[in-house]
C-alpha atoms as a PDB file:
ATOM      1  CA  MET A   1     -45.000 -30.597 -50.552  1.00  0.00           C
ATOM      2  CA  ALA A   2     -43.432 -31.253 -53.952  1.00  0.00           C
ATOM      3  CA  TRP A   3     -40.191 -29.836 -55.317  1.00  0.00           C
ATOM      4  CA  GLU A   4     -40.715 -26.849 -57.614  1.00  0.00           C
ATOM      5  CA  GLN A   5     -38.372 -25.555 -60.328  1.00  0.00           C
ATOM      6  CA  VAL A   6     -37.438 -21.884 -59.731  1.00  0.00           C
ATOM      7  CA  LYS A   7     -35.223 -19.171 -61.233  1.00  0.00           C
ATOM      8  CA  VAL A   8     -32.636 -17.950 -58.738  1.00  0.00           C
ATOM      9  CA  LYS A   9     -30.512 -14.811 -58.953  1.00  0.00           C
ATOM     10  CA  ALA A  10     -27.489 -15.003 -56.663  1.00  0.00           C
ATOM     11  CA  GLU A  11     -24.999 -12.118 -56.853  1.00  0.00           C
ATOM     12  CA  LYS A  12     -24.353 -11.791 -60.625  1.00  0.00           C
ATOM     13  CA  ASN A  13     -25.487 -15.311 -61.591  1.00  0.00           C
ATOM     14  CA  THR A  14     -28.944 -16.443 -62.654  1.00  0.00           C
ATOM     15  CA  VAL A  15     -29.448 -20.202 -62.328  1.00  0.00           C
ATOM     16  CA  THR A  16     -32.269 -22.740 -62.239  1.00  0.00           C
ATOM     17  CA  GLY A  17     -32.845 -24.400 -58.887  1.00  0.00           C
ATOM     18  CA  MET A  18     -35.248 -26.676 -57.084  1.00  0.00           C
ATOM     19  CA  MET A  19     -37.238 -25.475 -54.061  1.00  0.00           C
ATOM     20  CA  GLN A  20     -39.341 -27.268 -51.460  1.00  0.00           C
ATOM     21  CA  GLY A  21     -40.649 -25.154 -48.589  1.00  0.00           C
ATOM     22  CA  ASP A  22     -37.620 -23.350 -47.175  1.00  0.00           C
ATOM     23  CA  LEU A  23     -35.089 -25.673 -48.877  1.00  0.00           C
ATOM     24  CA  LEU A  24     -33.365 -24.550 -52.075  1.00  0.00           C
ATOM     25  CA  ASP A  25     -30.874 -26.539 -54.176  1.00  0.00           C
ATOM     26  CA  ILE A  26     -28.830 -24.649 -56.780  1.00  0.00           C
ATOM     27  CA  PRO A  27     -25.540 -25.194 -58.613  1.00  0.00           C
ATOM     28  CA  ASN A  28     -22.496 -24.016 -56.648  1.00  0.00           C
ATOM     29  CA  VAL A  29     -22.277 -20.288 -57.433  1.00  0.00           C
ATOM     30  CA  LEU A  30     -21.229 -17.267 -55.389  1.00  0.00           C
ATOM     31  CA  ILE A  31     -24.014 -16.184 -53.029  1.00  0.00           C
ATOM     32  CA  GLY A  32     -24.485 -13.267 -50.655  1.00  0.00           C
ATOM     33  CA  LYS A  33     -26.744 -12.908 -47.613  1.00  0.00           C
ATOM     34  CA  SER A  34     -29.865 -13.290 -49.761  1.00  0.00           C
ATOM     35  CA  VAL A  35     -31.027 -14.670 -53.111  1.00  0.00           C
ATOM     36  CA  LYS A  36     -33.834 -13.685 -55.446  1.00  0.00           C
ATOM     37  CA  VAL A  37     -36.219 -16.602 -56.049  1.00  0.00           C
ATOM     38  CA  ASN A  38     -38.660 -15.998 -58.914  1.00  0.00           C
ATOM     39  CA  GLY A  39     -38.162 -12.248 -58.371  1.00  0.00           C
ATOM     40  CA  LYS A  40     -38.678 -12.330 -54.582  1.00  0.00           C
ATOM     41  CA  ASP A  41     -35.709 -11.411 -52.357  1.00  0.00           C
ATOM     42  CA  ILE A  42     -35.257 -14.004 -49.569  1.00  0.00           C
ATOM     43  CA  SER A  43     -32.579 -14.068 -46.856  1.00  0.00           C
ATOM     44  CA  ILE A  44     -30.352 -17.109 -46.432  1.00  0.00           C
ATOM     45  CA  LYS A  45     -30.501 -18.812 -43.034  1.00  0.00           C
ATOM     46  CA  SER A  46     -27.732 -21.365 -43.721  1.00  0.00           C
ATOM     47  CA  TYR A  47     -26.162 -23.384 -46.514  1.00  0.00           C
ATOM     48  CA  VAL A  48     -23.997 -26.449 -47.128  1.00  0.00           C
ATOM     49  CA  ILE A  49     -21.965 -27.355 -50.215  1.00  0.00           C
ATOM     50  CA  ASP A  50     -22.689 -30.881 -51.466  1.00  0.00           C
ATOM     51  CA  GLU A  51     -19.336 -31.787 -53.008  1.00  0.00           C
ATOM     52  CA  ARG A  52     -20.688 -34.944 -54.666  1.00  0.00           C
ATOM     53  CA  ASP A  53     -22.855 -32.924 -57.065  1.00  0.00           C
ATOM     54  CA  ASP A  54     -21.203 -29.488 -56.614  1.00  0.00           C
ATOM     55  CA  MET A  55     -24.553 -28.111 -55.422  1.00  0.00           C
ATOM     56  CA  LEU A  56     -25.515 -25.628 -52.720  1.00  0.00           C
ATOM     57  CA  LYS A  57     -28.130 -26.867 -50.251  1.00  0.00           C
ATOM     58  CA  ILE A  58     -29.620 -23.638 -48.892  1.00  0.00           C
ATOM     59  CA  THR A  59     -32.049 -23.156 -46.012  1.00  0.00           C
ATOM     60  CA  LEU A  60     -33.974 -19.933 -46.530  1.00  0.00           C
ATOM     61  CA  ALA A  61     -35.147 -17.658 -43.731  1.00  0.00           C
ATOM     62  CA  MET A  62     -38.832 -17.862 -44.580  1.00  0.00           C
ATOM     63  CA  ALA A  63     -41.651 -16.335 -42.560  1.00  0.00           C
ATOM     64  CA  SER A  64     -43.856 -18.761 -40.706  1.00  0.00           C
ATOM     65  CA  PRO A  65     -46.559 -20.164 -43.008  1.00  0.00           C
ATOM     66  CA  THR A  66     -49.148 -20.047 -40.209  1.00  0.00           C
ATOM     67  CA  LYS A  67     -50.570 -16.738 -39.076  1.00  0.00           C
ATOM     68  CA  GLU A  68     -51.757 -17.912 -35.668  1.00  0.00           C
ATOM     69  CA  LYS A  69     -51.303 -15.639 -32.675  1.00  0.00           C
ATOM     70  CA  SER A  70     -50.203 -17.001 -29.339  1.00  0.00           C
ATOM     71  CA  ASP A  71     -52.614 -16.519 -26.453  1.00  0.00           C
ATOM     72  CA  ASP A  72     -49.826 -17.409 -23.979  1.00  0.00           C
ATOM     73  CA  LYS A  73     -51.997 -20.143 -22.452  1.00  0.00           C
ATOM     74  CA  PRO A  74     -50.790 -23.742 -22.225  1.00  0.00           C
ATOM     75  CA  THR A  75     -52.402 -26.266 -24.508  1.00  0.00           C
ATOM     76  CA  LYS A  76     -54.960 -28.616 -23.011  1.00  0.00           C
ATOM     77  CA  GLY A  77     -53.482 -31.518 -21.087  1.00  0.00           C
ATOM     78  CA  THR A  78     -50.216 -29.804 -20.149  1.00  0.00           C
ATOM     79  CA  ASP A  79     -49.159 -28.185 -16.904  1.00  0.00           C
END
């Protein structure tokens, strides 16, 4: 999956960031418990400040991309 440029609203700041799956890189700005990415409100799972570039490396709490239901049966070849 390629990195995609996105508009991010965090608290009172609107910045441009880069997103790949559930990873989001934005400049170091004040954030709350969620951010708005291209108009969609997404909760923050965790984040780390990269002091080399003064960037926030955010992991978003995204829903699972697969919509498979568990049948509670083991997969073939396992006990």
